[in-house]
Amino acid sequence: MILELNPEEAENLLRLVEAALADTRVEVRRTDNPEWKDELSRHEKDLAALRDRLQLLRKAA
């Protein structure tokens, strides 16, 4: 998949991913359900990987 974004869109996407990551980290800490905690942890890892990729692209631009 290819997604083309202008610099402003890329910055907005990065901010949204960072906000979602922060919210997910809070949810992981607060949940008591082990299955939900595992699911949230996987989601957190995916968001962190996406954030890292977006940051690399920003630096390369």
C-alpha atoms as a PDB file:
ATOM      1  CA  MET A   1       0.000   0.000   0.000  1.00  0.00           C
ATOM      2  CA  ILE A   2       1.210   3.485  -0.809  1.00  0.00           C
ATOM      3  CA  LEU A   3      -0.073   6.550   1.014  1.00  0.00           C
ATOM      4  CA  GLU A   4       0.988   9.971  -0.145  1.00  0.00           C
ATOM      5  CA  LEU A   5       0.811  12.788   2.380  1.00  0.00           C
ATOM      6  CA  ASN A   6       1.948  16.364   2.274  1.00  0.00           C
ATOM      7  CA  PRO A   7       4.144  17.481   5.197  1.00  0.00           C
ATOM      8  CA  GLU A   8       1.210  18.975   7.138  1.00  0.00           C
ATOM      9  CA  GLU A   9      -0.844  15.805   6.777  1.00  0.00           C
ATOM     10  CA  ALA A  10       2.111  13.686   7.861  1.00  0.00           C
ATOM     11  CA  GLU A  11       2.600  15.830  10.990  1.00  0.00           C
ATOM     12  CA  ASN A  12      -1.110  15.575  11.806  1.00  0.00           C
ATOM     13  CA  LEU A  13      -1.024  11.808  11.381  1.00  0.00           C
ATOM     14  CA  LEU A  14       2.035  11.559  13.606  1.00  0.00           C
ATOM     15  CA  ARG A  15       0.306  13.611  16.323  1.00  0.00           C
ATOM     16  CA  LEU A  16      -2.798  11.420  16.098  1.00  0.00           C
ATOM     17  CA  VAL A  17      -0.739   8.237  16.381  1.00  0.00           C
ATOM     18  CA  GLU A  18       1.186   9.642  19.346  1.00  0.00           C
ATOM     19  CA  ALA A  19      -2.084  10.588  21.094  1.00  0.00           C
ATOM     20  CA  ALA A  20      -3.568   7.147  20.427  1.00  0.00           C
ATOM     21  CA  LEU A  21      -0.389   5.534  21.731  1.00  0.00           C
ATOM     22  CA  ALA A  22      -0.507   7.574  24.935  1.00  0.00           C
ATOM     23  CA  ASP A  23      -4.186   6.700  25.466  1.00  0.00           C
ATOM     24  CA  THR A  24      -3.515   3.025  24.819  1.00  0.00           C
ATOM     25  CA  ARG A  25      -0.658   2.975  27.328  1.00  0.00           C
ATOM     26  CA  VAL A  26      -3.000   4.372  29.986  1.00  0.00           C
ATOM     27  CA  GLU A  27      -5.620   1.740  29.156  1.00  0.00           C
ATOM     28  CA  VAL A  28      -3.024  -1.051  29.370  1.00  0.00           C
ATOM     29  CA  ARG A  29      -2.060   0.060  32.876  1.00  0.00           C
ATOM     30  CA  ARG A  30      -5.665   0.425  34.061  1.00  0.00           C
ATOM     31  CA  THR A  31      -7.216  -2.788  32.770  1.00  0.00           C
ATOM     32  CA  ASP A  32      -7.565  -5.826  34.994  1.00  0.00           C
ATOM     33  CA  ASN A  33      -8.742  -8.219  32.284  1.00  0.00           C
ATOM     34  CA  PRO A  34      -5.684 -10.240  31.133  1.00  0.00           C
ATOM     35  CA  GLU A  35      -7.113 -10.929  27.664  1.00  0.00           C
ATOM     36  CA  TRP A  36      -7.951  -7.284  27.073  1.00  0.00           C
ATOM     37  CA  LYS A  37      -4.530  -6.274  28.437  1.00  0.00           C
ATOM     38  CA  ASP A  38      -2.854  -8.588  25.892  1.00  0.00           C
ATOM     39  CA  GLU A  39      -4.939  -7.130  23.067  1.00  0.00           C
ATOM     40  CA  LEU A  40      -4.144  -3.576  24.145  1.00  0.00           C
ATOM     41  CA  SER A  41      -0.448  -4.436  24.421  1.00  0.00           C
ATOM     42  CA  ARG A  42      -0.427  -5.699  20.836  1.00  0.00           C
ATOM     43  CA  HIS A  43      -2.216  -2.539  19.739  1.00  0.00           C
ATOM     44  CA  GLU A  44       0.354  -0.459  21.636  1.00  0.00           C
ATOM     45  CA  LYS A  45       3.230  -2.209  19.847  1.00  0.00           C
ATOM     46  CA  ASP A  46       1.601  -1.609  16.460  1.00  0.00           C
ATOM     47  CA  LEU A  47       1.069   2.075  17.217  1.00  0.00           C
ATOM     48  CA  ALA A  48       4.652   2.450  18.446  1.00  0.00           C
ATOM     49  CA  ALA A  49       5.981   0.850  15.257  1.00  0.00           C
ATOM     50  CA  LEU A  50       3.830   3.151  13.124  1.00  0.00           C
ATOM     51  CA  ARG A  51       4.989   6.183  15.109  1.00  0.00           C
ATOM     52  CA  ASP A  52       8.622   5.163  14.621  1.00  0.00           C
ATOM     53  CA  ARG A  53       8.131   4.769  10.865  1.00  0.00           C
ATOM     54  CA  LEU A  54       6.446   8.168  10.606  1.00  0.00           C
ATOM     55  CA  GLN A  55       9.260   9.788  12.580  1.00  0.00           C
ATOM     56  CA  LEU A  56      11.850   8.252  10.253  1.00  0.00           C
ATOM     57  CA  LEU A  57       9.998   9.556   7.227  1.00  0.00           C
ATOM     58  CA  ARG A  58       9.810  13.023   8.769  1.00  0.00           C
ATOM     59  CA  LYS A  59      13.572  13.034   9.358  1.00  0.00           C
ATOM     60  CA  ALA A  60      14.248  11.861   5.801  1.00  0.00           C
ATOM     61  CA  ALA A  61      12.120  14.646   4.284  1.00  0.00           C
END
